[in-house]
Amino acid sequence: MPAAPSENKNATQGGAPDGGTADTGRLRGRALILPTLLLLLGGISYGGIFSANKLAAGVSFPVFAYTFWIALFAGLALLIVGAATRNLPPISRAHLLQYLRLALLAVMLPVLATAFAARELPAGVITLVLTLVPGVTYLMAFAMRMERFEALSLAGLALGAGGVLLIVLPEQSLPDAGAWVWMLVALVAAIAAAGSNVVAAAYRPPQTHSLALACGILLAAAVVMLPVMLVADGPYLFADAGWPGIAGMAWAATIHCVTFYCFQEVTRRAGAVFFAQFNYIVVAAGIFWALLLFDESLSIWVWGALACMVIGIWLVNTGARRRTAGARRRAEGAS
């Protein structure tokens, strides 16, 4: 999934995919208008994914079939747009490998994990899991020596983990005593999304249009999920889920079209540190969608967890900005 990459090798090195600039410190005024609008669009859209999953879960839409149809419809929609704008996905070896990597980490694992968890957890609770992505991304990037140590980022990661514990441990925070197992399943989505951020930073083919890359990733996910669906769920047609299931699937497919493009384009234009604000928008939008559609009431423990996670995101992003500024100063001093 396109979650906020608070750490990105391109941002650290002062470059960006597609030849854009990742030096957000030099972006001023009108240059930030379009990235800001895309950020808002992507964040508000992706906030609905957990509620869309809840709709599909309510009619027992098979999870593997659900994931396949989302990827197929989203990929085909972007393919039509790409053909009309002459931005079809390249099929070189490097591109195909990147499509497959990100299909697994950004589409298949997040959708499967959150779809399974949506059967047992409130949509608002699952939404909070996304706030862990920046901290986990930093931890992975640091382990791969893509980022330097930063105490603020580590503190943010610890606060995010504390927020998860506030949801999992108190008996009043989840629907039943065994729901903590499904919270761990939902955590798979955060870990996979963080891995996709690192992979996107380390292996993105140069000079690839954002639309083409998003389309290739989604179509690759559909190709891989087809045999999985046939084995696990049989030849399940989306129409068999009825109108609520179709609505949830169509909504999720639209969300993936919008957010995958916004993720690539905002990162290209303004850098990964700027895009990290995506998390704030998604969490707020996700809780709003859950309250609007399902009238969910969240316990005081969940609201406390939200506060911990938001502060954690701020600390991780502050640490990211410090590292980016330090890298820029070192580069300017060496030139």
C-alpha atoms as a PDB file:
ATOM      1  CA  MET A   1       0.000   0.000   0.000  1.00  0.00           C
ATOM      2  CA  PRO A   2       1.139   3.645  -0.501  1.00  0.00           C
ATOM      3  CA  ALA A   3       1.929   4.465   3.069  1.00  0.00           C
ATOM      4  CA  ALA A   4       4.038   7.391   4.149  1.00  0.00           C
ATOM      5  CA  PRO A   5       7.723   6.797   3.563  1.00  0.00           C
ATOM      6  CA  SER A   6       9.190   9.003   6.258  1.00  0.00           C
ATOM      7  CA  GLU A   7      12.580   7.647   5.281  1.00  0.00           C
ATOM      8  CA  ASN A   8      13.665   7.455   1.667  1.00  0.00           C
ATOM      9  CA  LYS A   9      17.125   7.079   0.235  1.00  0.00           C
ATOM     10  CA  ASN A  10      16.335   9.562  -2.506  1.00  0.00           C
ATOM     11  CA  ALA A  11      15.346  12.166   0.062  1.00  0.00           C
ATOM     12  CA  THR A  12      18.475  11.576   2.087  1.00  0.00           C
ATOM     13  CA  GLN A  13      20.684  11.959  -0.942  1.00  0.00           C
ATOM     14  CA  GLY A  14      18.841  15.044  -2.151  1.00  0.00           C
ATOM     15  CA  GLY A  15      17.405  13.461  -5.284  1.00  0.00           C
ATOM     16  CA  ALA A  16      14.011  12.127  -6.309  1.00  0.00           C
ATOM     17  CA  PRO A  17      12.635   9.580  -8.734  1.00  0.00           C
ATOM     18  CA  ASP A  18      11.808  10.653 -12.264  1.00  0.00           C
ATOM     19  CA  GLY A  19      14.343  13.420 -12.104  1.00  0.00           C
ATOM     20  CA  GLY A  20      12.348  15.503  -9.612  1.00  0.00           C
ATOM     21  CA  THR A  21      13.732  17.255  -6.567  1.00  0.00           C
ATOM     22  CA  ALA A  22      13.398  15.906  -3.034  1.00  0.00           C
ATOM     23  CA  ASP A  23      14.828  19.030  -1.385  1.00  0.00           C
ATOM     24  CA  THR A  24      11.645  20.283   0.215  1.00  0.00           C
ATOM     25  CA  GLY A  25      13.550  23.132   1.800  1.00  0.00           C
ATOM     26  CA  ARG A  26      13.853  24.746  -1.634  1.00  0.00           C
ATOM     27  CA  LEU A  27      10.214  24.316  -2.527  1.00  0.00           C
ATOM     28  CA  ARG A  28       8.243  27.480  -1.893  1.00  0.00           C
ATOM     29  CA  GLY A  29       4.865  29.011  -2.645  1.00  0.00           C
ATOM     30  CA  ARG A  30       3.195  27.726  -5.771  1.00  0.00           C
ATOM     31  CA  ALA A  31       5.587  24.797  -6.096  1.00  0.00           C
ATOM     32  CA  LEU A  32       3.911  23.158  -3.083  1.00  0.00           C
ATOM     33  CA  ILE A  33       0.307  23.768  -4.101  1.00  0.00           C
ATOM     34  CA  LEU A  34      -0.055  20.685  -6.332  1.00  0.00           C
ATOM     35  CA  PRO A  35       1.844  18.299  -3.987  1.00  0.00           C
ATOM     36  CA  THR A  36      -0.298  19.531  -1.092  1.00  0.00           C
ATOM     37  CA  LEU A  37      -3.526  18.951  -3.013  1.00  0.00           C
ATOM     38  CA  LEU A  38      -2.375  15.473  -4.066  1.00  0.00           C
ATOM     39  CA  LEU A  39      -1.362  14.729  -0.480  1.00  0.00           C
ATOM     40  CA  LEU A  40      -4.833  15.661   0.770  1.00  0.00           C
ATOM     41  CA  LEU A  41      -6.515  13.703  -2.011  1.00  0.00           C
ATOM     42  CA  GLY A  42      -4.457  10.571  -1.373  1.00  0.00           C
ATOM     43  CA  GLY A  43      -4.767  10.738   2.412  1.00  0.00           C
ATOM     44  CA  ILE A  44      -8.520  11.316   2.502  1.00  0.00           C
ATOM     45  CA  SER A  45      -9.004   8.563  -0.082  1.00  0.00           C
ATOM     46  CA  TYR A  46      -6.851   5.987   1.683  1.00  0.00           C
ATOM     47  CA  GLY A  47      -8.555   6.693   4.979  1.00  0.00           C
ATOM     48  CA  GLY A  48     -11.585   4.921   3.523  1.00  0.00           C
ATOM     49  CA  ILE A  49      -9.840   1.629   2.763  1.00  0.00           C
ATOM     50  CA  PHE A  50     -10.574   0.176   6.200  1.00  0.00           C
ATOM     51  CA  SER A  51     -14.272   1.017   5.933  1.00  0.00           C
ATOM     52  CA  ALA A  52     -14.358  -0.428   2.398  1.00  0.00           C
ATOM     53  CA  ASN A  53     -12.864  -3.636   3.786  1.00  0.00           C
ATOM     54  CA  LYS A  54     -15.518  -3.617   6.502  1.00  0.00           C
ATOM     55  CA  LEU A  55     -18.275  -3.446   3.882  1.00  0.00           C
ATOM     56  CA  ALA A  56     -16.801  -6.429   2.041  1.00  0.00           C
ATOM     57  CA  ALA A  57     -16.315  -8.363   5.268  1.00  0.00           C
ATOM     58  CA  GLY A  58     -19.960  -7.767   6.180  1.00  0.00           C
ATOM     59  CA  VAL A  59     -21.105  -9.894   3.229  1.00  0.00           C
ATOM     60  CA  SER A  60     -18.296 -12.465   3.597  1.00  0.00           C
ATOM     61  CA  PHE A  61     -16.558 -11.468   0.351  1.00  0.00           C
ATOM     62  CA  PRO A  62     -13.732 -14.076   0.181  1.00  0.00           C
ATOM     63  CA  VAL A  63     -10.525 -12.261   1.093  1.00  0.00           C
ATOM     64  CA  PHE A  64      -8.293 -13.643  -1.678  1.00  0.00           C
ATOM     65  CA  ALA A  65     -10.926 -12.974  -4.325  1.00  0.00           C
ATOM     66  CA  TYR A  66     -11.477  -9.503  -2.859  1.00  0.00           C
ATOM     67  CA  THR A  67      -7.769  -8.703  -3.154  1.00  0.00           C
ATOM     68  CA  PHE A  68      -7.617 -10.012  -6.744  1.00  0.00           C
ATOM     69  CA  TRP A  69     -10.593  -7.964  -7.953  1.00  0.00           C
ATOM     70  CA  ILE A  70      -9.317  -4.787  -6.293  1.00  0.00           C
ATOM     71  CA  ALA A  71      -5.922  -5.113  -7.965  1.00  0.00           C
ATOM     72  CA  LEU A  72      -7.411  -6.064 -11.348  1.00  0.00           C
ATOM     73  CA  PHE A  73      -9.957  -3.251 -11.545  1.00  0.00           C
ATOM     74  CA  ALA A  74      -7.515  -0.633 -10.229  1.00  0.00           C
ATOM     75  CA  GLY A  75      -4.768  -1.815 -12.590  1.00  0.00           C
ATOM     76  CA  LEU A  76      -7.070  -1.869 -15.629  1.00  0.00           C
ATOM     77  CA  ALA A  77      -8.376   1.608 -14.837  1.00  0.00           C
ATOM     78  CA  LEU A  78      -4.840   3.004 -14.695  1.00  0.00           C
ATOM     79  CA  LEU A  79      -3.931   1.028 -17.841  1.00  0.00           C
ATOM     80  CA  ILE A  80      -6.722   2.794 -19.753  1.00  0.00           C
ATOM     81  CA  VAL A  81      -5.539   6.175 -18.504  1.00  0.00           C
ATOM     82  CA  GLY A  82      -1.929   5.228 -19.268  1.00  0.00           C
ATOM     83  CA  ALA A  83      -2.809   4.178 -22.831  1.00  0.00           C
ATOM     84  CA  ALA A  84      -4.665   7.439 -23.395  1.00  0.00           C
ATOM     85  CA  THR A  85      -1.708   9.481 -22.098  1.00  0.00           C
ATOM     86  CA  ARG A  86       1.026   7.256 -23.565  1.00  0.00           C
ATOM     87  CA  ASN A  87       2.323   6.241 -20.140  1.00  0.00           C
ATOM     88  CA  LEU A  88       2.106   2.470 -20.308  1.00  0.00           C
ATOM     89  CA  PRO A  89       4.140   0.398 -17.786  1.00  0.00           C
ATOM     90  CA  PRO A  90       7.621  -0.509 -19.104  1.00  0.00           C
ATOM     91  CA  ILE A  91       8.359  -4.253 -19.132  1.00  0.00           C
ATOM     92  CA  SER A  92      12.125  -4.386 -18.646  1.00  0.00           C
ATOM     93  CA  ARG A  93      13.560  -6.840 -16.130  1.00  0.00           C
ATOM     94  CA  ALA A  94      14.188  -4.079 -13.593  1.00  0.00           C
ATOM     95  CA  HIS A  95      10.617  -2.821 -13.901  1.00  0.00           C
ATOM     96  CA  LEU A  96       9.060  -6.276 -13.657  1.00  0.00           C
ATOM     97  CA  LEU A  97      11.025  -7.045 -10.502  1.00  0.00           C
ATOM     98  CA  GLN A  98       9.948  -3.751  -8.948  1.00  0.00           C
ATOM     99  CA  TYR A  99       6.323  -4.380  -9.873  1.00  0.00           C
ATOM    100  CA  LEU A 100       6.431  -7.778  -8.172  1.00  0.00           C
ATOM    101  CA  ARG A 101       8.204  -6.497  -5.052  1.00  0.00           C
ATOM    102  CA  LEU A 102       5.751  -3.680  -4.512  1.00  0.00           C
ATOM    103  CA  ALA A 103       2.754  -5.805  -5.529  1.00  0.00           C
ATOM    104  CA  LEU A 104       3.558  -8.082  -2.593  1.00  0.00           C
ATOM    105  CA  LEU A 105       4.485  -5.406  -0.059  1.00  0.00           C
ATOM    106  CA  ALA A 106       2.227  -2.503  -1.015  1.00  0.00           C
ATOM    107  CA  VAL A 107      -0.892  -4.312  -2.286  1.00  0.00           C
ATOM    108  CA  MET A 108      -1.246  -7.983  -1.432  1.00  0.00           C
ATOM    109  CA  LEU A 109      -0.042  -8.180   2.173  1.00  0.00           C
ATOM    110  CA  PRO A 110      -1.685  -4.924   3.360  1.00  0.00           C
ATOM    111  CA  VAL A 111      -5.030  -5.710   1.715  1.00  0.00           C
ATOM    112  CA  LEU A 112      -5.076  -9.329   2.895  1.00  0.00           C
ATOM    113  CA  ALA A 113      -4.048  -8.445   6.451  1.00  0.00           C
ATOM    114  CA  THR A 114      -6.537  -5.605   6.881  1.00  0.00           C
ATOM    115  CA  ALA A 115      -9.328  -7.532   5.138  1.00  0.00           C
ATOM    116  CA  PHE A 116      -8.916 -10.493   7.497  1.00  0.00           C
ATOM    117  CA  ALA A 117      -8.677  -8.172  10.515  1.00  0.00           C
ATOM    118  CA  ALA A 118     -11.784  -6.241   9.399  1.00  0.00           C
ATOM    119  CA  ARG A 119     -13.867  -9.325  10.164  1.00  0.00           C
ATOM    120  CA  GLU A 120     -13.074  -9.041  13.872  1.00  0.00           C
ATOM    121  CA  LEU A 121     -11.958  -5.450  14.618  1.00  0.00           C
ATOM    122  CA  PRO A 122     -13.575  -2.000  14.337  1.00  0.00           C
ATOM    123  CA  ALA A 123     -12.437  -0.097  11.238  1.00  0.00           C
ATOM    124  CA  GLY A 124     -11.255   2.795  13.421  1.00  0.00           C
ATOM    125  CA  VAL A 125      -8.903   0.541  15.381  1.00  0.00           C
ATOM    126  CA  ILE A 126      -7.378  -0.941  12.219  1.00  0.00           C
ATOM    127  CA  THR A 127      -6.854   2.576  10.881  1.00  0.00           C
ATOM    128  CA  LEU A 128      -4.547   3.389  13.790  1.00  0.00           C
ATOM    129  CA  VAL A 129      -2.148   0.639  12.709  1.00  0.00           C
ATOM    130  CA  LEU A 130      -1.101   2.850   9.791  1.00  0.00           C
ATOM    131  CA  THR A 131       0.482   5.339  12.168  1.00  0.00           C
ATOM    132  CA  LEU A 132       3.246   2.806  12.851  1.00  0.00           C
ATOM    133  CA  VAL A 133       4.472   2.860   9.244  1.00  0.00           C
ATOM    134  CA  PRO A 134       6.905   5.840   9.521  1.00  0.00           C
ATOM    135  CA  GLY A 135       8.611   4.417  12.620  1.00  0.00           C
ATOM    136  CA  VAL A 136       8.917   0.906  11.200  1.00  0.00           C
ATOM    137  CA  THR A 137      10.196   2.367   7.927  1.00  0.00           C
ATOM    138  CA  TYR A 138      12.901   4.243   9.815  1.00  0.00           C
ATOM    139  CA  LEU A 139      13.889   1.080  11.690  1.00  0.00           C
ATOM    140  CA  MET A 140      14.187  -0.908   8.441  1.00  0.00           C
ATOM    141  CA  ALA A 141      16.088   1.862   6.668  1.00  0.00           C
ATOM    142  CA  PHE A 142      18.473   2.191   9.606  1.00  0.00           C
ATOM    143  CA  ALA A 143      19.041  -1.591   9.645  1.00  0.00           C
ATOM    144  CA  MET A 144      19.898  -1.454   5.929  1.00  0.00           C
ATOM    145  CA  ARG A 145      22.240   1.510   6.566  1.00  0.00           C
ATOM    146  CA  MET A 146      20.117   3.751   4.375  1.00  0.00           C
ATOM    147  CA  GLU A 147      19.614   6.179   7.270  1.00  0.00           C
ATOM    148  CA  ARG A 148      21.648   7.519  10.178  1.00  0.00           C
ATOM    149  CA  PHE A 149      20.712   7.032  13.832  1.00  0.00           C
ATOM    150  CA  GLU A 150      18.313   9.659  15.136  1.00  0.00           C
ATOM    151  CA  ALA A 151      17.088   9.612  18.749  1.00  0.00           C
ATOM    152  CA  LEU A 152      13.851  11.445  17.915  1.00  0.00           C
ATOM    153  CA  SER A 153      12.879   8.834  15.331  1.00  0.00           C
ATOM    154  CA  LEU A 154      13.619   6.040  17.796  1.00  0.00           C
ATOM    155  CA  ALA A 155      11.481   7.798  20.428  1.00  0.00           C
ATOM    156  CA  GLY A 156       8.679   8.117  17.893  1.00  0.00           C
ATOM    157  CA  LEU A 157       8.871   4.401  17.145  1.00  0.00           C
ATOM    158  CA  ALA A 158       8.657   3.629  20.862  1.00  0.00           C
ATOM    159  CA  LEU A 159       5.572   5.855  21.256  1.00  0.00           C
ATOM    160  CA  GLY A 160       3.909   4.150  18.316  1.00  0.00           C
ATOM    161  CA  ALA A 161       4.567   0.747  19.868  1.00  0.00           C
ATOM    162  CA  GLY A 162       3.160   2.071  23.139  1.00  0.00           C
ATOM    163  CA  GLY A 163       0.014   3.104  21.297  1.00  0.00           C
ATOM    164  CA  VAL A 164      -0.436  -0.437  20.014  1.00  0.00           C
ATOM    165  CA  LEU A 165      -0.070  -1.772  23.555  1.00  0.00           C
ATOM    166  CA  LEU A 166      -2.775   0.646  24.745  1.00  0.00           C
ATOM    167  CA  ILE A 167      -5.119  -1.016  22.255  1.00  0.00           C
ATOM    168  CA  VAL A 168      -4.048  -4.612  22.791  1.00  0.00           C
ATOM    169  CA  LEU A 169      -3.611  -4.852  26.577  1.00  0.00           C
ATOM    170  CA  PRO A 170      -6.664  -3.182  28.209  1.00  0.00           C
ATOM    171  CA  GLU A 171      -9.740  -5.406  28.125  1.00  0.00           C
ATOM    172  CA  GLN A 172     -12.015  -2.437  27.361  1.00  0.00           C
ATOM    173  CA  SER A 173     -10.246  -1.350  24.162  1.00  0.00           C
ATOM    174  CA  LEU A 174     -11.148  -4.271  21.858  1.00  0.00           C
ATOM    175  CA  PRO A 175     -14.483  -6.019  21.150  1.00  0.00           C
ATOM    176  CA  ASP A 176     -13.512  -9.249  22.924  1.00  0.00           C
ATOM    177  CA  ALA A 177     -10.609 -10.817  24.783  1.00  0.00           C
ATOM    178  CA  GLY A 178      -9.290 -12.735  21.778  1.00  0.00           C
ATOM    179  CA  ALA A 179      -9.308  -9.767  19.417  1.00  0.00           C
ATOM    180  CA  TRP A 180      -5.649  -8.981  20.175  1.00  0.00           C
ATOM    181  CA  VAL A 181      -4.707 -11.806  17.776  1.00  0.00           C
ATOM    182  CA  TRP A 182      -6.405  -9.917  14.945  1.00  0.00           C
ATOM    183  CA  MET A 183      -4.587  -6.762  15.995  1.00  0.00           C
ATOM    184  CA  LEU A 184      -1.342  -8.643  15.342  1.00  0.00           C
ATOM    185  CA  VAL A 185      -2.692  -9.651  11.926  1.00  0.00           C
ATOM    186  CA  ALA A 186      -3.392  -5.985  11.190  1.00  0.00           C
ATOM    187  CA  LEU A 187       0.209  -5.172  12.164  1.00  0.00           C
ATOM    188  CA  VAL A 188       1.346  -7.221   9.160  1.00  0.00           C
ATOM    189  CA  ALA A 189      -0.076  -4.431   6.994  1.00  0.00           C
ATOM    190  CA  ALA A 190       2.093  -1.811   8.714  1.00  0.00           C
ATOM    191  CA  ILE A 191       5.236  -3.929   8.440  1.00  0.00           C
ATOM    192  CA  ALA A 192       4.584  -4.695   4.762  1.00  0.00           C
ATOM    193  CA  ALA A 193       3.855  -1.034   3.977  1.00  0.00           C
ATOM    194  CA  ALA A 194       7.081   0.011   5.690  1.00  0.00           C
ATOM    195  CA  GLY A 195       8.965  -2.584   3.650  1.00  0.00           C
ATOM    196  CA  SER A 196       7.418  -1.199   0.467  1.00  0.00           C
ATOM    197  CA  ASN A 197       8.743   2.257   1.350  1.00  0.00           C
ATOM    198  CA  VAL A 198      12.284   0.950   1.684  1.00  0.00           C
ATOM    199  CA  VAL A 199      12.010  -1.094  -1.516  1.00  0.00           C
ATOM    200  CA  ALA A 200      10.547   1.868  -3.411  1.00  0.00           C
ATOM    201  CA  ALA A 201      13.479   4.010  -2.308  1.00  0.00           C
ATOM    202  CA  ALA A 202      16.174   1.443  -3.010  1.00  0.00           C
ATOM    203  CA  TYR A 203      15.039  -0.139  -6.284  1.00  0.00           C
ATOM    204  CA  ARG A 204      12.773   2.262  -8.189  1.00  0.00           C
ATOM    205  CA  PRO A 205      13.778   2.265 -11.875  1.00  0.00           C
ATOM    206  CA  PRO A 206      14.818   5.749 -13.002  1.00  0.00           C
ATOM    207  CA  GLN A 207      12.789   7.832 -15.437  1.00  0.00           C
ATOM    208  CA  THR A 208       9.571   5.916 -14.756  1.00  0.00           C
ATOM    209  CA  HIS A 209       6.322   7.867 -14.869  1.00  0.00           C
ATOM    210  CA  SER A 210       4.299   7.670 -11.656  1.00  0.00           C
ATOM    211  CA  LEU A 211       1.170   6.534 -13.492  1.00  0.00           C
ATOM    212  CA  ALA A 212       3.033   3.747 -15.305  1.00  0.00           C
ATOM    213  CA  LEU A 213       4.660   2.505 -12.115  1.00  0.00           C
ATOM    214  CA  ALA A 214       1.377   2.482 -10.179  1.00  0.00           C
ATOM    215  CA  CYS A 215      -0.340   0.622 -13.018  1.00  0.00           C
ATOM    216  CA  GLY A 216       2.417  -2.005 -13.270  1.00  0.00           C
ATOM    217  CA  ILE A 217       2.336  -2.685  -9.527  1.00  0.00           C
ATOM    218  CA  LEU A 218      -1.432  -3.196  -9.431  1.00  0.00           C
ATOM    219  CA  LEU A 219      -1.523  -5.412 -12.527  1.00  0.00           C
ATOM    220  CA  ALA A 220       1.331  -7.518 -11.159  1.00  0.00           C
ATOM    221  CA  ALA A 221      -0.650  -7.980  -7.939  1.00  0.00           C
ATOM    222  CA  ALA A 222      -3.673  -9.138  -9.950  1.00  0.00           C
ATOM    223  CA  VAL A 223      -1.586 -11.643 -11.938  1.00  0.00           C
ATOM    224  CA  VAL A 224      -0.080 -13.128  -8.770  1.00  0.00           C
ATOM    225  CA  MET A 225      -3.407 -13.177  -6.909  1.00  0.00           C
ATOM    226  CA  LEU A 226      -5.330 -14.944  -9.699  1.00  0.00           C
ATOM    227  CA  PRO A 227      -3.968 -18.472  -9.038  1.00  0.00           C
ATOM    228  CA  VAL A 228      -4.130 -17.835  -5.291  1.00  0.00           C
ATOM    229  CA  MET A 229      -7.816 -16.937  -5.601  1.00  0.00           C
ATOM    230  CA  LEU A 230      -8.565 -19.960  -7.797  1.00  0.00           C
ATOM    231  CA  VAL A 231      -6.961 -22.331  -5.305  1.00  0.00           C
ATOM    232  CA  ALA A 232      -8.345 -20.743  -2.126  1.00  0.00           C
ATOM    233  CA  ASP A 233     -11.752 -19.417  -3.180  1.00  0.00           C
ATOM    234  CA  GLY A 234     -12.410 -20.916  -6.597  1.00  0.00           C
ATOM    235  CA  PRO A 235     -13.443 -18.850  -9.647  1.00  0.00           C
ATOM    236  CA  TYR A 236     -15.284 -16.284  -7.532  1.00  0.00           C
ATOM    237  CA  LEU A 237     -16.982 -13.512  -9.495  1.00  0.00           C
ATOM    238  CA  PHE A 238     -17.239 -10.133  -7.785  1.00  0.00           C
ATOM    239  CA  ALA A 239     -20.935  -9.971  -8.697  1.00  0.00           C
ATOM    240  CA  ASP A 240     -21.569 -12.929  -6.372  1.00  0.00           C
ATOM    241  CA  ALA A 241     -20.836 -10.687  -3.355  1.00  0.00           C
ATOM    242  CA  GLY A 242     -24.004  -8.647  -3.889  1.00  0.00           C
ATOM    243  CA  TRP A 243     -24.253  -4.891  -3.953  1.00  0.00           C
ATOM    244  CA  PRO A 244     -22.592  -4.193  -0.557  1.00  0.00           C
ATOM    245  CA  GLY A 245     -19.622  -6.369  -1.528  1.00  0.00           C
ATOM    246  CA  ILE A 246     -19.405  -4.827  -4.995  1.00  0.00           C
ATOM    247  CA  ALA A 247     -19.552  -1.346  -3.457  1.00  0.00           C
ATOM    248  CA  GLY A 248     -16.748  -2.160  -1.005  1.00  0.00           C
ATOM    249  CA  MET A 249     -14.587  -3.676  -3.754  1.00  0.00           C
ATOM    250  CA  ALA A 250     -15.198  -0.804  -6.189  1.00  0.00           C
ATOM    251  CA  TRP A 251     -14.467   1.744  -3.468  1.00  0.00           C
ATOM    252  CA  ALA A 252     -11.218  -0.030  -2.527  1.00  0.00           C
ATOM    253  CA  ALA A 253     -10.151  -0.253  -6.194  1.00  0.00           C
ATOM    254  CA  THR A 254     -10.769   3.474  -6.667  1.00  0.00           C
ATOM    255  CA  ILE A 255      -8.791   4.195  -3.504  1.00  0.00           C
ATOM    256  CA  HIS A 256      -5.830   2.208  -4.837  1.00  0.00           C
ATOM    257  CA  CYS A 257      -5.903   4.049  -8.179  1.00  0.00           C
ATOM    258  CA  VAL A 258      -5.832   7.427  -6.467  1.00  0.00           C
ATOM    259  CA  THR A 259      -3.398   6.748  -3.645  1.00  0.00           C
ATOM    260  CA  PHE A 260      -0.823   4.794  -5.645  1.00  0.00           C
ATOM    261  CA  TYR A 261      -0.556   7.619  -8.145  1.00  0.00           C
ATOM    262  CA  CYS A 262      -0.498  10.309  -5.435  1.00  0.00           C
ATOM    263  CA  PHE A 263       2.215   8.423  -3.524  1.00  0.00           C
ATOM    264  CA  GLN A 264       4.507   8.307  -6.536  1.00  0.00           C
ATOM    265  CA  GLU A 265       3.829  11.837  -7.745  1.00  0.00           C
ATOM    266  CA  VAL A 266       4.066  13.652  -4.404  1.00  0.00           C
ATOM    267  CA  THR A 267       7.321  11.863  -3.632  1.00  0.00           C
ATOM    268  CA  ARG A 268       8.658  12.823  -7.057  1.00  0.00           C
ATOM    269  CA  ARG A 269       7.682  16.474  -6.746  1.00  0.00           C
ATOM    270  CA  ALA A 270       8.277  17.224  -3.058  1.00  0.00           C
ATOM    271  CA  GLY A 271      10.184  14.299  -1.570  1.00  0.00           C
ATOM    272  CA  ALA A 272       9.400  11.574   0.920  1.00  0.00           C
ATOM    273  CA  VAL A 273       9.717  13.796   3.997  1.00  0.00           C
ATOM    274  CA  PHE A 274       6.912  16.014   2.697  1.00  0.00           C
ATOM    275  CA  PHE A 275       4.798  12.955   1.861  1.00  0.00           C
ATOM    276  CA  ALA A 276       5.206  11.678   5.447  1.00  0.00           C
ATOM    277  CA  GLN A 277       2.368  14.059   6.420  1.00  0.00           C
ATOM    278  CA  PHE A 278       0.118  11.553   4.597  1.00  0.00           C
ATOM    279  CA  ASN A 279      -0.150   9.604   7.865  1.00  0.00           C
ATOM    280  CA  TYR A 280      -1.831  12.420   9.750  1.00  0.00           C
ATOM    281  CA  ILE A 281      -4.481  12.760   7.055  1.00  0.00           C
ATOM    282  CA  VAL A 282      -5.127   9.017   6.699  1.00  0.00           C
ATOM    283  CA  VAL A 283      -5.665   8.429  10.411  1.00  0.00           C
ATOM    284  CA  ALA A 284      -8.066  11.362  10.751  1.00  0.00           C
ATOM    285  CA  ALA A 285      -9.914  10.402   7.563  1.00  0.00           C
ATOM    286  CA  GLY A 286     -10.030   6.720   8.527  1.00  0.00           C
ATOM    287  CA  ILE A 287     -11.628   7.445  11.880  1.00  0.00           C
ATOM    288  CA  PHE A 288     -14.054   9.866  10.229  1.00  0.00           C
ATOM    289  CA  TRP A 289     -15.136   7.270   7.642  1.00  0.00           C
ATOM    290  CA  ALA A 290     -15.598   4.641  10.374  1.00  0.00           C
ATOM    291  CA  LEU A 291     -17.701   6.994  12.509  1.00  0.00           C
ATOM    292  CA  LEU A 292     -19.754   8.136   9.511  1.00  0.00           C
ATOM    293  CA  LEU A 293     -20.511   4.703   8.046  1.00  0.00           C
ATOM    294  CA  PHE A 294     -20.523   2.390  11.040  1.00  0.00           C
ATOM    295  CA  ASP A 295     -21.175   4.752  13.974  1.00  0.00           C
ATOM    296  CA  GLU A 296     -18.267   3.144  15.815  1.00  0.00           C
ATOM    297  CA  SER A 297     -17.553   4.312  19.359  1.00  0.00           C
ATOM    298  CA  LEU A 298     -13.884   4.125  20.324  1.00  0.00           C
ATOM    299  CA  SER A 299     -12.787   3.572  23.922  1.00  0.00           C
ATOM    300  CA  ILE A 300     -10.640   5.997  25.905  1.00  0.00           C
ATOM    301  CA  TRP A 301      -7.736   3.565  25.436  1.00  0.00           C
ATOM    302  CA  VAL A 302      -8.002   3.850  21.652  1.00  0.00           C
ATOM    303  CA  TRP A 303      -8.061   7.661  21.809  1.00  0.00           C
ATOM    304  CA  GLY A 304      -4.998   7.516  24.077  1.00  0.00           C
ATOM    305  CA  ALA A 305      -3.328   5.248  21.547  1.00  0.00           C
ATOM    306  CA  LEU A 306      -4.135   7.767  18.804  1.00  0.00           C
ATOM    307  CA  ALA A 307      -2.459  10.541  20.811  1.00  0.00           C
ATOM    308  CA  CYS A 308       0.673   8.406  21.320  1.00  0.00           C
ATOM    309  CA  MET A 309       0.821   7.505  17.642  1.00  0.00           C
ATOM    310  CA  VAL A 310       0.348  11.071  16.397  1.00  0.00           C
ATOM    311  CA  ILE A 311       3.122  12.322  18.689  1.00  0.00           C
ATOM    312  CA  GLY A 312       5.235   9.396  17.522  1.00  0.00           C
ATOM    313  CA  ILE A 313       4.705  10.365  13.881  1.00  0.00           C
ATOM    314  CA  TRP A 314       5.712  13.949  14.653  1.00  0.00           C
ATOM    315  CA  LEU A 315       8.931  12.763  16.333  1.00  0.00           C
ATOM    316  CA  VAL A 316       9.790  10.420  13.456  1.00  0.00           C
ATOM    317  CA  ASN A 317       9.172  13.142  10.874  1.00  0.00           C
ATOM    318  CA  THR A 318      11.176  15.701  12.871  1.00  0.00           C
ATOM    319  CA  GLY A 319      14.062  13.258  12.965  1.00  0.00           C
ATOM    320  CA  ALA A 320      13.727  12.710   9.216  1.00  0.00           C
ATOM    321  CA  ARG A 321      13.879  16.441   8.530  1.00  0.00           C
ATOM    322  CA  ARG A 322      16.981  16.756  10.702  1.00  0.00           C
ATOM    323  CA  ARG A 323      18.728  13.973   8.807  1.00  0.00           C
ATOM    324  CA  THR A 324      17.756  15.432   5.441  1.00  0.00           C
ATOM    325  CA  ALA A 325      18.993  18.894   6.456  1.00  0.00           C
ATOM    326  CA  GLY A 326      22.241  17.389   7.771  1.00  0.00           C
ATOM    327  CA  ALA A 327      22.798  15.456   4.547  1.00  0.00           C
ATOM    328  CA  ARG A 328      22.210  18.637   2.524  1.00  0.00           C
ATOM    329  CA  ARG A 329      24.673  20.622   4.617  1.00  0.00           C
ATOM    330  CA  ARG A 330      27.305  17.908   4.238  1.00  0.00           C
ATOM    331  CA  ALA A 331      26.752  17.802   0.477  1.00  0.00           C
ATOM    332  CA  GLU A 332      27.056  21.590   0.218  1.00  0.00           C
ATOM    333  CA  GLY A 333      30.190  21.569   2.365  1.00  0.00           C
ATOM    334  CA  ALA A 334      31.825  18.941   0.169  1.00  0.00           C
ATOM    335  CA  SER A 335      31.089  20.861  -3.055  1.00  0.00           C
END
